[in-house]
N, C-alpha and C. Protein backbone atom coordinates (compact mmCIF):
# COMPACT_ATOMS: atom_id res chain seq x y z
N MET A 1 88.76 101.77 104.46
CA MET A 1 89.16 101.42 103.12
C MET A 1 90.19 100.30 103.19
N SER A 2 90.02 99.34 102.32
CA SER A 2 90.93 98.21 102.24
C SER A 2 92.18 98.60 101.47
N LYS A 3 93.31 98.02 101.85
CA LYS A 3 94.56 98.27 101.13
C LYS A 3 94.60 97.51 99.82
N HIS A 4 93.78 96.46 99.71
CA HIS A 4 93.75 95.62 98.52
C HIS A 4 92.51 95.94 97.68
N PRO A 5 92.62 95.81 96.36
CA PRO A 5 91.45 96.02 95.52
C PRO A 5 90.35 95.02 95.84
N ILE A 6 89.12 95.45 95.73
CA ILE A 6 87.98 94.57 95.92
C ILE A 6 87.63 93.99 94.56
N GLU A 7 87.61 92.66 94.47
CA GLU A 7 87.26 92.00 93.21
C GLU A 7 85.76 91.82 93.12
N SER A 8 85.21 92.05 91.94
CA SER A 8 83.78 91.93 91.73
C SER A 8 83.49 91.33 90.36
N THR A 9 82.47 90.48 90.31
CA THR A 9 82.00 89.95 89.03
C THR A 9 80.93 90.85 88.44
N GLU A 10 80.54 91.88 89.17
CA GLU A 10 79.55 92.85 88.70
C GLU A 10 80.28 93.97 87.94
N GLU A 11 79.67 94.47 86.88
CA GLU A 11 80.28 95.53 86.09
C GLU A 11 80.18 96.89 86.77
N ILE A 12 79.20 97.06 87.64
CA ILE A 12 79.02 98.32 88.34
C ILE A 12 78.99 98.03 89.84
N VAL A 13 79.82 98.74 90.59
CA VAL A 13 79.89 98.56 92.04
C VAL A 13 79.52 99.87 92.73
N SER A 14 79.19 99.78 94.00
CA SER A 14 78.87 100.98 94.77
C SER A 14 79.89 101.14 95.89
N CYS A 15 80.09 102.37 96.31
CA CYS A 15 81.00 102.66 97.41
C CYS A 15 80.44 103.82 98.23
N SER A 16 80.48 103.67 99.54
CA SER A 16 80.11 104.77 100.43
C SER A 16 81.05 104.83 101.63
N ASP A 17 82.08 103.96 101.66
CA ASP A 17 83.03 103.88 102.76
C ASP A 17 82.28 103.74 104.09
N HIS A 18 81.27 102.87 104.08
CA HIS A 18 80.43 102.60 105.26
C HIS A 18 79.79 103.89 105.78
N GLY A 19 79.31 104.73 104.88
CA GLY A 19 78.65 105.98 105.26
C GLY A 19 79.60 107.15 105.43
N GLY A 20 80.87 106.95 105.11
CA GLY A 20 81.87 108.00 105.27
C GLY A 20 81.84 109.06 104.18
N HIS A 21 81.16 108.76 103.08
CA HIS A 21 81.02 109.72 101.98
C HIS A 21 79.75 109.38 101.22
N PRO A 22 79.31 110.24 100.30
CA PRO A 22 78.09 109.95 99.54
C PRO A 22 78.20 108.63 98.77
N LEU A 23 77.10 107.92 98.64
CA LEU A 23 77.05 106.68 97.88
C LEU A 23 77.26 106.99 96.40
N ILE A 24 78.23 106.30 95.79
CA ILE A 24 78.48 106.47 94.36
C ILE A 24 78.52 105.10 93.70
N TYR A 25 78.32 105.09 92.40
CA TYR A 25 78.39 103.87 91.61
C TYR A 25 79.55 104.02 90.63
N ILE A 26 80.33 102.95 90.48
CA ILE A 26 81.53 102.98 89.65
C ILE A 26 81.46 101.86 88.62
N ASN A 27 81.62 102.19 87.34
CA ASN A 27 81.64 101.20 86.28
C ASN A 27 83.07 100.67 86.15
N ILE A 28 83.24 99.37 86.46
CA ILE A 28 84.59 98.79 86.44
C ILE A 28 84.78 97.80 85.29
N LYS A 29 83.84 97.76 84.35
CA LYS A 29 83.92 96.79 83.26
C LYS A 29 85.20 96.95 82.44
N LYS A 30 85.66 98.16 82.27
CA LYS A 30 86.82 98.41 81.41
C LYS A 30 88.14 98.46 82.18
N GLY A 31 88.16 97.88 83.39
CA GLY A 31 89.42 97.83 84.13
C GLY A 31 89.28 98.32 85.56
N ASP A 32 90.40 98.37 86.23
CA ASP A 32 90.44 98.81 87.62
C ASP A 32 90.03 100.27 87.73
N LYS A 33 89.27 100.58 88.76
CA LYS A 33 88.88 101.96 89.03
C LYS A 33 88.97 102.20 90.53
N ALA A 34 89.09 103.45 90.92
CA ALA A 34 89.15 103.82 92.33
C ALA A 34 88.02 104.79 92.64
N CYS A 35 87.53 104.73 93.88
CA CYS A 35 86.51 105.66 94.35
C CYS A 35 87.11 107.06 94.41
N GLN A 36 86.39 108.03 93.90
CA GLN A 36 86.89 109.40 93.87
C GLN A 36 86.95 110.03 95.26
N TYR A 37 86.22 109.48 96.24
CA TYR A 37 86.21 110.03 97.59
C TYR A 37 87.25 109.39 98.50
N CYS A 38 87.24 108.04 98.59
CA CYS A 38 88.09 107.37 99.56
C CYS A 38 89.28 106.65 98.95
N GLY A 39 89.29 106.48 97.62
CA GLY A 39 90.42 105.84 96.96
C GLY A 39 90.36 104.33 96.92
N GLN A 40 89.29 103.72 97.46
CA GLN A 40 89.17 102.27 97.40
C GLN A 40 89.20 101.81 95.96
N ARG A 41 90.02 100.80 95.67
CA ARG A 41 90.14 100.29 94.31
C ARG A 41 89.24 99.09 94.12
N PHE A 42 88.70 98.96 92.91
CA PHE A 42 87.83 97.85 92.54
C PHE A 42 88.36 97.25 91.25
N THR A 43 88.29 95.91 91.15
CA THR A 43 88.77 95.18 89.98
C THR A 43 87.67 94.29 89.46
N PHE A 44 87.43 94.35 88.15
CA PHE A 44 86.43 93.49 87.52
C PHE A 44 87.06 92.15 87.19
N ILE A 45 86.40 91.06 87.62
CA ILE A 45 86.83 89.72 87.26
C ILE A 45 85.65 89.00 86.61
N THR A 46 85.95 88.07 85.71
CA THR A 46 84.86 87.40 84.99
C THR A 46 84.16 86.38 85.86
N GLU A 47 84.89 85.69 86.73
CA GLU A 47 84.26 84.76 87.66
C GLU A 47 85.17 84.54 88.84
N LYS A 48 84.57 84.24 89.98
CA LYS A 48 85.34 84.00 91.19
C LYS A 48 85.97 82.62 91.12
N PRO A 49 87.23 82.51 91.54
CA PRO A 49 87.84 81.18 91.59
C PRO A 49 87.19 80.34 92.69
N ASP A 50 87.12 79.03 92.47
CA ASP A 50 86.53 78.14 93.48
C ASP A 50 87.42 78.11 94.70
N SER A 51 86.81 78.23 95.88
CA SER A 51 87.56 78.18 97.11
C SER A 51 87.78 76.74 97.57
N GLN A 52 86.99 75.82 97.02
CA GLN A 52 87.13 74.42 97.38
C GLN A 52 87.55 73.63 96.15
N THR A 53 88.41 72.67 96.38
CA THR A 53 88.81 71.80 95.29
C THR A 53 88.39 70.38 95.63
N SER A 54 87.99 69.62 94.65
CA SER A 54 87.61 68.23 94.88
C SER A 54 88.67 67.30 94.32
N ASP A 55 88.90 66.21 95.00
CA ASP A 55 89.92 65.24 94.57
C ASP A 55 89.29 64.10 93.83
């Protein structure tokens, strides 16, 4: 499990902690949510920021 929230542009994410617990789906559209098994946090974002900038 990551110490930082995982950002996603998808409204529904899945978590299984790499097979450490049953696969579940989490709706994160209405804000941050955590996995009920491992506690991994997920954050909904509208779009990913560009990693490259042009001059």
